[in-house]
C-alpha atoms as a PDB file:
ATOM      1  CA  MET A   1      61.137 -21.265 -21.534  1.00  0.00           C
ATOM      2  CA  GLN A   2      63.640 -18.825 -20.548  1.00  0.00           C
ATOM      3  CA  TYR A   3      66.614 -18.425 -22.976  1.00  0.00           C
ATOM      4  CA  PRO A   4      69.947 -16.683 -22.154  1.00  0.00           C
ATOM      5  CA  VAL A   5      70.702 -14.038 -24.726  1.00  0.00           C
ATOM      6  CA  VAL A   6      73.804 -11.985 -25.217  1.00  0.00           C
ATOM      7  CA  ILE A   7      73.625  -8.300 -26.651  1.00  0.00           C
ATOM      8  CA  HIS A   8      76.490  -6.534 -28.296  1.00  0.00           C
ATOM      9  CA  LYS A   9      76.535  -2.891 -29.360  1.00  0.00           C
ATOM     10  CA  ASP A  10      79.335  -1.556 -31.593  1.00  0.00           C
ATOM     11  CA  THR A  11      79.609   2.174 -32.066  1.00  0.00           C
ATOM     12  CA  ASP A  12      77.160   3.395 -34.827  1.00  0.00           C
ATOM     13  CA  SER A  13      75.258   0.278 -35.015  1.00  0.00           C
ATOM     14  CA  ALA A  14      72.184  -1.338 -33.697  1.00  0.00           C
ATOM     15  CA  TYR A  15      72.023  -3.647 -30.590  1.00  0.00           C
ATOM     16  CA  GLY A  16      72.652  -7.120 -31.804  1.00  0.00           C
ATOM     17  CA  VAL A  17      71.371 -10.012 -29.927  1.00  0.00           C
ATOM     18  CA  THR A  18      72.372 -13.582 -30.163  1.00  0.00           C
ATOM     19  CA  VAL A  19      70.741 -16.745 -28.626  1.00  0.00           C
ATOM     20  CA  PRO A  20      73.517 -19.142 -27.857  1.00  0.00           C
ATOM     21  CA  ASP A  21      71.236 -22.169 -27.322  1.00  0.00           C
ATOM     22  CA  LEU A  22      69.725 -21.757 -30.821  1.00  0.00           C
ATOM     23  CA  PRO A  23      72.581 -21.557 -33.356  1.00  0.00           C
ATOM     24  CA  GLY A  24      71.668 -19.282 -36.098  1.00  0.00           C
ATOM     25  CA  CYS A  25      69.074 -17.331 -34.124  1.00  0.00           C
ATOM     26  CA  PHE A  26      69.734 -13.632 -33.735  1.00  0.00           C
ATOM     27  CA  SER A  27      68.005 -10.422 -33.845  1.00  0.00           C
ATOM     28  CA  ALA A  28      68.727  -6.617 -33.635  1.00  0.00           C
ATOM     29  CA  GLY A  29      67.063  -3.369 -32.527  1.00  0.00           C
ATOM     30  CA  ASP A  30      67.804   0.340 -32.422  1.00  0.00           C
ATOM     31  CA  THR A  31      67.230   0.376 -28.702  1.00  0.00           C
ATOM     32  CA  MET A  32      67.859  -2.171 -25.996  1.00  0.00           C
ATOM     33  CA  ASP A  33      64.127  -2.604 -25.415  1.00  0.00           C
ATOM     34  CA  GLU A  34      63.458  -3.097 -29.199  1.00  0.00           C
ATOM     35  CA  ALA A  35      66.363  -5.589 -29.379  1.00  0.00           C
ATOM     36  CA  MET A  36      64.953  -7.677 -26.477  1.00  0.00           C
ATOM     37  CA  SER A  37      61.470  -7.611 -27.880  1.00  0.00           C
ATOM     38  CA  ASN A  38      62.758  -8.623 -31.320  1.00  0.00           C
ATOM     39  CA  VAL A  39      64.716 -11.572 -30.015  1.00  0.00           C
ATOM     40  CA  VAL A  40      61.639 -13.079 -28.571  1.00  0.00           C
ATOM     41  CA  GLU A  41      59.892 -13.078 -32.025  1.00  0.00           C
ATOM     42  CA  ALA A  42      63.232 -14.368 -33.439  1.00  0.00           C
ATOM     43  CA  ILE A  43      63.157 -17.258 -31.078  1.00  0.00           C
ATOM     44  CA  GLU A  44      59.531 -18.056 -31.762  1.00  0.00           C
ATOM     45  CA  CYS A  45      60.252 -18.060 -35.472  1.00  0.00           C
ATOM     46  CA  HIS A  46      63.370 -20.188 -35.058  1.00  0.00           C
ATOM     47  CA  VAL A  47      61.654 -22.853 -32.850  1.00  0.00           C
ATOM     48  CA  GLU A  48      58.526 -22.852 -35.165  1.00  0.00           C
ATOM     49  CA  GLY A  49      60.878 -23.778 -37.992  1.00  0.00           C
ATOM     50  CA  LEU A  50      62.548 -26.516 -35.940  1.00  0.00           C
ATOM     51  CA  LEU A  51      59.068 -27.933 -34.992  1.00  0.00           C
ATOM     52  CA  LEU A  52      57.991 -27.893 -38.631  1.00  0.00           C
ATOM     53  CA  GLU A  53      61.033 -29.784 -39.571  1.00  0.00           C
ATOM     54  CA  GLY A  54      60.506 -32.340 -36.898  1.00  0.00           C
ATOM     55  CA  GLU A  55      63.712 -31.376 -35.075  1.00  0.00           C
ATOM     56  CA  ASP A  56      64.008 -31.170 -31.280  1.00  0.00           C
ATOM     57  CA  ILE A  57      63.879 -27.882 -29.453  1.00  0.00           C
ATOM     58  CA  PRO A  58      67.169 -27.092 -27.748  1.00  0.00           C
ATOM     59  CA  LEU A  59      66.674 -26.548 -24.143  1.00  0.00           C
ATOM     60  CA  PRO A  60      68.148 -23.415 -22.532  1.00  0.00           C
ATOM     61  CA  GLN A  61      71.348 -23.929 -20.816  1.00  0.00           C
ATOM     62  CA  PRO A  62      72.918 -22.050 -17.873  1.00  0.00           C
ATOM     63  CA  MET A  63      74.723 -18.899 -18.981  1.00  0.00           C
ATOM     64  CA  ASP A  64      77.871 -20.006 -17.167  1.00  0.00           C
ATOM     65  CA  ILE A  65      78.722 -22.524 -19.821  1.00  0.00           C
ATOM     66  CA  TYR A  66      79.184 -19.674 -22.479  1.00  0.00           C
ATOM     67  CA  TYR A  67      81.101 -17.220 -20.474  1.00  0.00           C
ATOM     68  CA  ASP A  68      84.489 -18.518 -21.741  1.00  0.00           C
ATOM     69  CA  ASN A  69      83.246 -18.342 -25.325  1.00  0.00           C
ATOM     70  CA  PRO A  70      85.162 -15.593 -27.230  1.00  0.00           C
ATOM     71  CA  ASP A  71      82.132 -14.955 -29.443  1.00  0.00           C
ATOM     72  CA  TYR A  72      80.230 -13.503 -26.383  1.00  0.00           C
ATOM     73  CA  GLU A  73      83.159 -11.477 -25.097  1.00  0.00           C
ATOM     74  CA  GLU A  74      81.985  -7.909 -23.960  1.00  0.00           C
ATOM     75  CA  GLY A  75      78.458  -8.812 -24.441  1.00  0.00           C
ATOM     76  CA  ILE A  76      75.614  -7.998 -21.974  1.00  0.00           C
ATOM     77  CA  TRP A  77      73.723 -11.101 -20.745  1.00  0.00           C
ATOM     78  CA  GLY A  78      70.075 -11.240 -20.394  1.00  0.00           C
ATOM     79  CA  VAL A  79      67.336 -13.681 -20.237  1.00  0.00           C
ATOM     80  CA  VAL A  80      64.056 -13.659 -22.343  1.00  0.00           C
ATOM     81  CA  SER A  81      60.870 -15.697 -21.612  1.00  0.00           C
ATOM     82  CA  VAL A  82      59.208 -17.429 -24.674  1.00  0.00           C
ATOM     83  CA  ASP A  83      55.945 -19.267 -24.314  1.00  0.00           C
ATOM     84  CA  LEU A  84      56.453 -22.283 -26.577  1.00  0.00           C
ATOM     85  CA  SER A  85      53.033 -23.586 -25.906  1.00  0.00           C
ATOM     86  CA  LYS A  86      51.648 -21.120 -28.554  1.00  0.00           C
ATOM     87  CA  LEU A  87      53.813 -22.429 -31.281  1.00  0.00           C
ATOM     88  CA  SER A  88      53.177 -24.951 -34.132  1.00  0.00           C
ATOM     89  CA  GLY A  89      49.545 -25.045 -34.710  1.00  0.00           C
ATOM     90  CA  LYS A  90      46.337 -24.869 -32.841  1.00  0.00           C
ATOM     91  CA  ALA A  91      46.317 -25.564 -29.166  1.00  0.00           C
ATOM     92  CA  THR A  92      44.207 -28.437 -28.107  1.00  0.00           C
ATOM     93  CA  TRP A  93      42.186 -28.686 -24.807  1.00  0.00           C
ATOM     94  CA  ILE A  94      42.887 -31.813 -22.781  1.00  0.00           C
ATOM     95  CA  ASN A  95      41.512 -33.047 -19.440  1.00  0.00           C
ATOM     96  CA  ILE A  96      44.071 -34.639 -17.272  1.00  0.00           C
ATOM     97  CA  THR A  97      44.182 -35.796 -13.661  1.00  0.00           C
ATOM     98  CA  ILE A  98      47.071 -34.790 -11.427  1.00  0.00           C
ATOM     99  CA  PRO A  99      47.399 -35.624  -7.753  1.00  0.00           C
ATOM    100  CA  GLU A 100      46.682 -32.412  -5.661  1.00  0.00           C
ATOM    101  CA  ARG A 101      50.120 -32.580  -3.979  1.00  0.00           C
ATOM    102  CA  ILE A 102      51.827 -32.400  -7.470  1.00  0.00           C
ATOM    103  CA  LEU A 103      49.435 -29.846  -8.744  1.00  0.00           C
ATOM    104  CA  SER A 104      50.338 -27.629  -5.755  1.00  0.00           C
ATOM    105  CA  LYS A 105      53.943 -28.068  -6.568  1.00  0.00           C
ATOM    106  CA  ILE A 106      53.415 -27.115 -10.251  1.00  0.00           C
ATOM    107  CA  ASP A 107      51.465 -24.039  -9.246  1.00  0.00           C
ATOM    108  CA  THR A 108      54.160 -22.887  -6.824  1.00  0.00           C
ATOM    109  CA  GLN A 109      56.807 -23.203  -9.788  1.00  0.00           C
ATOM    110  CA  VAL A 110      54.363 -21.378 -12.086  1.00  0.00           C
ATOM    111  CA  ALA A 111      53.850 -18.498  -9.639  1.00  0.00           C
ATOM    112  CA  GLU A 112      57.699 -18.066  -9.137  1.00  0.00           C
ATOM    113  CA  SER A 113      58.192 -18.132 -12.994  1.00  0.00           C
ATOM    114  CA  GLY A 114      55.375 -15.662 -13.796  1.00  0.00           C
ATOM    115  CA  GLY A 115      53.987 -18.028 -16.482  1.00  0.00           C
ATOM    116  CA  ASN A 116      50.864 -20.153 -16.663  1.00  0.00           C
ATOM    117  CA  ARG A 117      50.237 -23.741 -15.823  1.00  0.00           C
ATOM    118  CA  SER A 118      49.652 -24.787 -19.460  1.00  0.00           C
ATOM    119  CA  SER A 119      52.809 -23.245 -20.737  1.00  0.00           C
ATOM    120  CA  TYR A 120      54.735 -24.848 -17.709  1.00  0.00           C
ATOM    121  CA  LEU A 121      53.322 -28.204 -18.474  1.00  0.00           C
ATOM    122  CA  VAL A 122      54.238 -28.024 -22.063  1.00  0.00           C
ATOM    123  CA  ASN A 123      57.800 -26.870 -21.282  1.00  0.00           C
ATOM    124  CA  ALA A 124      58.251 -29.681 -18.758  1.00  0.00           C
ATOM    125  CA  ALA A 125      56.972 -32.300 -21.291  1.00  0.00           C
ATOM    126  CA  LEU A 126      59.340 -30.903 -24.048  1.00  0.00           C
ATOM    127  CA  ALA A 127      62.311 -31.057 -21.597  1.00  0.00           C
ATOM    128  CA  TYR A 128      61.367 -34.552 -20.567  1.00  0.00           C
ATOM    129  CA  ILE A 129      61.160 -35.728 -24.174  1.00  0.00           C
ATOM    130  CA  ARG A 130      64.232 -33.715 -25.241  1.00  0.00           C
ATOM    131  CA  ASN A 131      66.401 -35.553 -22.529  1.00  0.00           C
ATOM    132  CA  ASP A 132      65.066 -38.891 -23.563  1.00  0.00           C
ATOM    133  CA  LEU A 133      63.521 -39.527 -20.192  1.00  0.00           C
ATOM    134  CA  VAL A 134      60.499 -41.364 -21.516  1.00  0.00           C
ATOM    135  CA  PRO A 135      60.966 -45.028 -20.840  1.00  0.00           C
ATOM    136  CA  THR A 136      60.881 -47.370 -23.721  1.00  0.00           C
ATOM    137  CA  LYS A 137      58.431 -50.386 -23.772  1.00  0.00           C
ATOM    138  CA  SER A 138      61.234 -52.654 -22.553  1.00  0.00           C
ATOM    139  CA  GLU A 139      61.989 -50.390 -19.617  1.00  0.00           C
ATOM    140  CA  ARG A 140      58.296 -50.308 -18.434  1.00  0.00           C
END
């Protein structure tokens, strides 16, 4: 998943990074590169904690919804990619069947995002679940 982040730098301080979509998730670094690397680790730890507690993972929102928030004034916006498929335990190999036409569309999206197919499918499933798109038995 790609999470928007906002970076603040005060005089005589490290770079502080906040993840608006994950309340309480923040990080810092002495350089911009270090701050951006550290925030990926912070997101992974934060999401891992949510998963262990059985909580839903908040989906990334468009940066636009945060622009008017005074907490992020004068911040520099960026985006970090986090592979959530590596979190919360051992990965399990599964064998699934997908129509070739759909798989081609998935692979096109994967190529554009620079990720991998497994990560893409995990993120899509999490988004689907998070948005309560799974039909109930009565809706099937």
